[in-house]
Amino acid sequence: MEDHAILSERLEDQLKAVEWARAEQKKILKEKGERLSKELMDKMTPFILKEQKQIEH
């Protein structure tokens, strides 16, 4: 069973906390996706260029 912390008794504050958490999650996933895309491009670009040279010759 999970424990839940109530940050505030006020519904508005709880909704703001949920919205903040969702925005943070989106931001983290976007940053992670950008980092993974960059890493993939860094690894694949030399391979792609090598393959293009072989096709051209």
PDB file of N, CA and C in Angstrom:
ATOM      1  N   MET A   1       0.836  -1.180   0.000  1.00  0.00           N
ATOM      2  CA  MET A   1       0.000   0.000   0.000  1.00  0.00           C
ATOM      3  C   MET A   1       0.883   1.246   0.000  1.00  0.00           C
ATOM      4  N   GLU A   2       0.525   2.219  -0.817  1.00  0.00           N
ATOM      5  CA  GLU A   2       1.310   3.439  -0.912  1.00  0.00           C
ATOM      6  C   GLU A   2       0.851   4.465   0.106  1.00  0.00           C
ATOM      7  N   ASP A   3       1.804   5.234   0.621  1.00  0.00           N
ATOM      8  CA  ASP A   3       1.467   6.345   1.496  1.00  0.00           C
ATOM      9  C   ASP A   3       1.288   7.585   0.643  1.00  0.00           C
ATOM     10  N   HIS A   4       0.340   8.396   0.998  1.00  0.00           N
ATOM     11  CA  HIS A   4       0.091   9.649   0.291  1.00  0.00           C
ATOM     12  C   HIS A   4       0.202  10.794   1.284  1.00  0.00           C
ATOM     13  N   ALA A   5       0.876  11.835   0.872  1.00  0.00           N
ATOM     14  CA  ALA A   5       0.980  13.012   1.722  1.00  0.00           C
ATOM     15  C   ALA A   5      -0.007  14.061   1.233  1.00  0.00           C
ATOM     16  N   ILE A   6      -0.728  14.612   2.145  1.00  0.00           N
ATOM     17  CA  ILE A   6      -1.642  15.696   1.796  1.00  0.00           C
ATOM     18  C   ILE A   6      -0.900  16.996   2.066  1.00  0.00           C
ATOM     19  N   LEU A   7      -0.627  17.733   0.987  1.00  0.00           N
ATOM     20  CA  LEU A   7       0.118  18.972   1.109  1.00  0.00           C
ATOM     21  C   LEU A   7      -0.754  20.106   1.636  1.00  0.00           C
ATOM     22  N   SER A   8      -2.017  20.020   1.333  1.00  0.00           N
ATOM     23  CA  SER A   8      -2.947  21.070   1.748  1.00  0.00           C
ATOM     24  C   SER A   8      -4.353  20.485   1.790  1.00  0.00           C
ATOM     25  N   GLU A   9      -5.135  21.009   2.662  1.00  0.00           N
ATOM     26  CA  GLU A   9      -6.536  20.591   2.729  1.00  0.00           C
ATOM     27  C   GLU A   9      -7.353  21.267   1.635  1.00  0.00           C
ATOM     28  N   ARG A  10      -6.833  22.361   1.093  1.00  0.00           N
ATOM     29  CA  ARG A  10      -7.575  23.123   0.085  1.00  0.00           C
ATOM     30  C   ARG A  10      -7.484  22.433  -1.273  1.00  0.00           C
ATOM     31  N   LEU A  11      -8.634  22.238  -1.896  1.00  0.00           N
ATOM     32  CA  LEU A  11      -8.703  21.578  -3.194  1.00  0.00           C
ATOM     33  C   LEU A  11      -7.882  22.328  -4.242  1.00  0.00           C
ATOM     34  N   GLU A  12      -7.924  23.660  -4.217  1.00  0.00           N
ATOM     35  CA  GLU A  12      -7.182  24.447  -5.210  1.00  0.00           C
ATOM     36  C   GLU A  12      -5.678  24.165  -5.116  1.00  0.00           C
ATOM     37  N   ASP A  13      -5.178  24.065  -3.890  1.00  0.00           N
ATOM     38  CA  ASP A  13      -3.755  23.786  -3.692  1.00  0.00           C
ATOM     39  C   ASP A  13      -3.396  22.386  -4.173  1.00  0.00           C
ATOM     40  N   GLN A  14      -4.285  21.439  -3.937  1.00  0.00           N
ATOM     41  CA  GLN A  14      -4.041  20.074  -4.385  1.00  0.00           C
ATOM     42  C   GLN A  14      -4.014  20.015  -5.911  1.00  0.00           C
ATOM     43  N   LEU A  15      -4.939  20.731  -6.558  1.00  0.00           N
ATOM     44  CA  LEU A  15      -4.973  20.764  -8.023  1.00  0.00           C
ATOM     45  C   LEU A  15      -3.718  21.420  -8.584  1.00  0.00           C
ATOM     46  N   LYS A  16      -3.250  22.486  -7.949  1.00  0.00           N
ATOM     47  CA  LYS A  16      -2.012  23.150  -8.386  1.00  0.00           C
ATOM     48  C   LYS A  16      -0.832  22.193  -8.260  1.00  0.00           C
ATOM     49  N   ALA A  17      -0.799  21.416  -7.185  1.00  0.00           N
ATOM     50  CA  ALA A  17       0.292  20.462  -6.986  1.00  0.00           C
ATOM     51  C   ALA A  17       0.274  19.392  -8.076  1.00  0.00           C
ATOM     52  N   VAL A  18      -0.906  18.922  -8.432  1.00  0.00           N
ATOM     53  CA  VAL A  18      -1.032  17.908  -9.488  1.00  0.00           C
ATOM     54  C   VAL A  18      -0.598  18.499 -10.827  1.00  0.00           C
ATOM     55  N   GLU A  19      -1.031  19.718 -11.123  1.00  0.00           N
ATOM     56  CA  GLU A  19      -0.644  20.376 -12.367  1.00  0.00           C
ATOM     57  C   GLU A  19       0.869  20.565 -12.430  1.00  0.00           C
ATOM     58  N   TRP A  20       1.457  20.969 -11.313  1.00  0.00           N
ATOM     59  CA  TRP A  20       2.912  21.159 -11.256  1.00  0.00           C
ATOM     60  C   TRP A  20       3.618  19.824 -11.513  1.00  0.00           C
ATOM     61  N   ALA A  21       3.158  18.758 -10.885  1.00  0.00           N
ATOM     62  CA  ALA A  21       3.778  17.449 -11.055  1.00  0.00           C
ATOM     63  C   ALA A  21       3.690  16.986 -12.506  1.00  0.00           C
ATOM     64  N   ARG A  22       2.558  17.211 -13.138  1.00  0.00           N
ATOM     65  CA  ARG A  22       2.406  16.824 -14.544  1.00  0.00           C
ATOM     66  C   ARG A  22       3.331  17.634 -15.442  1.00  0.00           C
ATOM     67  N   ALA A  23       3.439  18.934 -15.170  1.00  0.00           N
ATOM     68  CA  ALA A  23       4.338  19.785 -15.956  1.00  0.00           C
ATOM     69  C   ALA A  23       5.784  19.346 -15.780  1.00  0.00           C
ATOM     70  N   GLU A  24       6.163  19.009 -14.555  1.00  0.00           N
ATOM     71  CA  GLU A  24       7.527  18.527 -14.295  1.00  0.00           C
ATOM     72  C   GLU A  24       7.784  17.216 -15.021  1.00  0.00           C
ATOM     73  N   GLN A  25       6.818  16.320 -14.998  1.00  0.00           N
ATOM     74  CA  GLN A  25       6.965  15.041 -15.682  1.00  0.00           C
ATOM     75  C   GLN A  25       7.151  15.264 -17.185  1.00  0.00           C
ATOM     76  N   LYS A  26       6.347  16.149 -17.763  1.00  0.00           N
ATOM     77  CA  LYS A  26       6.468  16.463 -19.189  1.00  0.00           C
ATOM     78  C   LYS A  26       7.847  17.024 -19.514  1.00  0.00           C
ATOM     79  N   LYS A  27       8.319  17.939 -18.656  1.00  0.00           N
ATOM     80  CA  LYS A  27       9.615  18.567 -18.861  1.00  0.00           C
ATOM     81  C   LYS A  27      10.738  17.522 -18.803  1.00  0.00           C
ATOM     82  N   ILE A  28      10.668  16.655 -17.827  1.00  0.00           N
ATOM     83  CA  ILE A  28      11.694  15.618 -17.666  1.00  0.00           C
ATOM     84  C   ILE A  28      11.689  14.676 -18.862  1.00  0.00           C
ATOM     85  N   LEU A  29      10.506  14.253 -19.299  1.00  0.00           N
ATOM     86  CA  LEU A  29      10.420  13.353 -20.450  1.00  0.00           C
ATOM     87  C   LEU A  29      10.930  14.023 -21.719  1.00  0.00           C
ATOM     88  N   LYS A  30      10.646  15.312 -21.892  1.00  0.00           N
ATOM     89  CA  LYS A  30      11.126  16.049 -23.056  1.00  0.00           C
ATOM     90  C   LYS A  30      12.651  16.132 -23.036  1.00  0.00           C
ATOM     91  N   GLU A  31      13.207  16.473 -21.871  1.00  0.00           N
ATOM     92  CA  GLU A  31      14.663  16.566 -21.745  1.00  0.00           C
ATOM     93  C   GLU A  31      15.317  15.208 -22.003  1.00  0.00           C
ATOM     94  N   LYS A  32      14.723  14.161 -21.482  1.00  0.00           N
ATOM     95  CA  LYS A  32      15.270  12.816 -21.676  1.00  0.00           C
ATOM     96  C   LYS A  32      15.213  12.433 -23.155  1.00  0.00           C
ATOM     97  N   GLY A  33      14.087  12.741 -23.812  1.00  0.00           N
ATOM     98  CA  GLY A  33      13.940  12.446 -25.237  1.00  0.00           C
ATOM     99  C   GLY A  33      14.962  13.207 -26.073  1.00  0.00           C
ATOM    100  N   GLU A  34      15.174  14.473 -25.738  1.00  0.00           N
ATOM    101  CA  GLU A  34      16.154  15.276 -26.470  1.00  0.00           C
ATOM    102  C   GLU A  34      17.562  14.711 -26.277  1.00  0.00           C
ATOM    103  N   ARG A  35      17.875  14.310 -25.053  1.00  0.00           N
ATOM    104  CA  ARG A  35      19.201  13.745 -24.763  1.00  0.00           C
ATOM    105  C   ARG A  35      19.402  12.437 -25.523  1.00  0.00           C
ATOM    106  N   LEU A  36      18.380  11.579 -25.526  1.00  0.00           N
ATOM    107  CA  LEU A  36      18.495  10.310 -26.239  1.00  0.00           C
ATOM    108  C   LEU A  36      18.623  10.525 -27.746  1.00  0.00           C
ATOM    109  N   SER A  37      17.878  11.499 -28.283  1.00  0.00           N
ATOM    110  CA  SER A  37      17.971  11.810 -29.708  1.00  0.00           C
ATOM    111  C   SER A  37      19.370  12.282 -30.067  1.00  0.00           C
ATOM    112  N   LYS A  38      19.936  13.132 -29.236  1.00  0.00           N
ATOM    113  CA  LYS A  38      21.293  13.639 -29.492  1.00  0.00           C
ATOM    114  C   LYS A  38      22.310  12.504 -29.445  1.00  0.00           C
ATOM    115  N   GLU A  39      22.193  11.654 -28.445  1.00  0.00           N
ATOM    116  CA  GLU A  39      23.120  10.529 -28.335  1.00  0.00           C
ATOM    117  C   GLU A  39      23.007   9.606 -29.545  1.00  0.00           C
ATOM    118  N   LEU A  40      21.790   9.355 -29.987  1.00  0.00           N
ATOM    119  CA  LEU A  40      21.585   8.506 -31.152  1.00  0.00           C
ATOM    120  C   LEU A  40      22.199   9.132 -32.399  1.00  0.00           C
ATOM    121  N   MET A  41      21.978  10.424 -32.594  1.00  0.00           N
ATOM    122  CA  MET A  41      22.552  11.119 -33.747  1.00  0.00           C
ATOM    123  C   MET A  41      24.080  11.097 -33.690  1.00  0.00           C
ATOM    124  N   ASP A  42      24.646  11.309 -32.505  1.00  0.00           N
ATOM    125  CA  ASP A  42      26.102  11.292 -32.363  1.00  0.00           C
ATOM    126  C   ASP A  42      26.681   9.926 -32.744  1.00  0.00           C
ATOM    127  N   LYS A  43      25.960   8.864 -32.402  1.00  0.00           N
ATOM    128  CA  LYS A  43      26.453   7.521 -32.705  1.00  0.00           C
ATOM    129  C   LYS A  43      26.181   7.111 -34.152  1.00  0.00           C
ATOM    130  N   MET A  44      25.058   7.534 -34.692  1.00  0.00           N
ATOM    131  CA  MET A  44      24.651   7.063 -36.013  1.00  0.00           C
ATOM    132  C   MET A  44      25.192   7.905 -37.165  1.00  0.00           C
ATOM    133  N   THR A  45      25.478   9.186 -36.946  1.00  0.00           N
ATOM    134  CA  THR A  45      25.922  10.055 -38.033  1.00  0.00           C
ATOM    135  C   THR A  45      27.168   9.520 -38.737  1.00  0.00           C
ATOM    136  N   PRO A  46      28.227   9.129 -38.013  1.00  0.00           N
ATOM    137  CA  PRO A  46      29.402   8.601 -38.722  1.00  0.00           C
ATOM    138  C   PRO A  46      29.070   7.344 -39.543  1.00  0.00           C
ATOM    139  N   PHE A  47      28.223   6.489 -39.017  1.00  0.00           N
ATOM    140  CA  PHE A  47      27.832   5.272 -39.722  1.00  0.00           C
ATOM    141  C   PHE A  47      27.067   5.623 -41.003  1.00  0.00           C
ATOM    142  N   ILE A  48      26.127   6.559 -40.901  1.00  0.00           N
ATOM    143  CA  ILE A  48      25.333   6.966 -42.059  1.00  0.00           C
ATOM    144  C   ILE A  48      26.226   7.594 -43.120  1.00  0.00           C
ATOM    145  N   LEU A  49      27.134   8.457 -42.713  1.00  0.00           N
ATOM    146  CA  LEU A  49      28.043   9.093 -43.672  1.00  0.00           C
ATOM    147  C   LEU A  49      28.923   8.057 -44.367  1.00  0.00           C
ATOM    148  N   LYS A  50      29.387   7.080 -43.612  1.00  0.00           N
ATOM    149  CA  LYS A  50      30.218   6.013 -44.179  1.00  0.00           C
ATOM    150  C   LYS A  50      29.419   5.221 -45.220  1.00  0.00           C
ATOM    151  N   GLU A  51      28.185   4.899 -44.898  1.00  0.00           N
ATOM    152  CA  GLU A  51      27.336   4.157 -45.818  1.00  0.00           C
ATOM    153  C   GLU A  51      27.054   4.958 -47.084  1.00  0.00           C
ATOM    154  N   GLN A  52      26.852   6.256 -46.950  1.00  0.00           N
ATOM    155  CA  GLN A  52      26.600   7.094 -48.132  1.00  0.00           C
ATOM    156  C   GLN A  52      27.813   7.130 -49.049  1.00  0.00           C
ATOM    157  N   LYS A  53      28.997   7.197 -48.466  1.00  0.00           N
ATOM    158  CA  LYS A  53      30.219   7.198 -49.277  1.00  0.00           C
ATOM    159  C   LYS A  53      30.360   5.900 -50.063  1.00  0.00           C
ATOM    160  N   GLN A  54      30.015   4.792 -49.422  1.00  0.00           N
ATOM    161  CA  GLN A  54      30.126   3.499 -50.099  1.00  0.00           C
ATOM    162  C   GLN A  54      29.128   3.408 -51.239  1.00  0.00           C
ATOM    163  N   ILE A  55      27.938   3.957 -51.058  1.00  0.00           N
ATOM    164  CA  ILE A  55      26.909   3.920 -52.103  1.00  0.00           C
ATOM    165  C   ILE A  55      27.334   4.798 -53.279  1.00  0.00           C
ATOM    166  N   GLU A  56      27.944   5.935 -53.004  1.00  0.00           N
ATOM    167  CA  GLU A  56      28.343   6.876 -54.057  1.00  0.00           C
ATOM    168  C   GLU A  56      29.475   6.317 -54.920  1.00  0.00           C
ATOM    169  N   HIS A  57      30.290   5.465 -54.370  1.00  0.00           N
ATOM    170  CA  HIS A  57      31.453   4.959 -55.131  1.00  0.00           C
ATOM    171  C   HIS A  57      31.123   3.697 -55.820  1.00  0.00           C
TER     172      HIS A  57
END
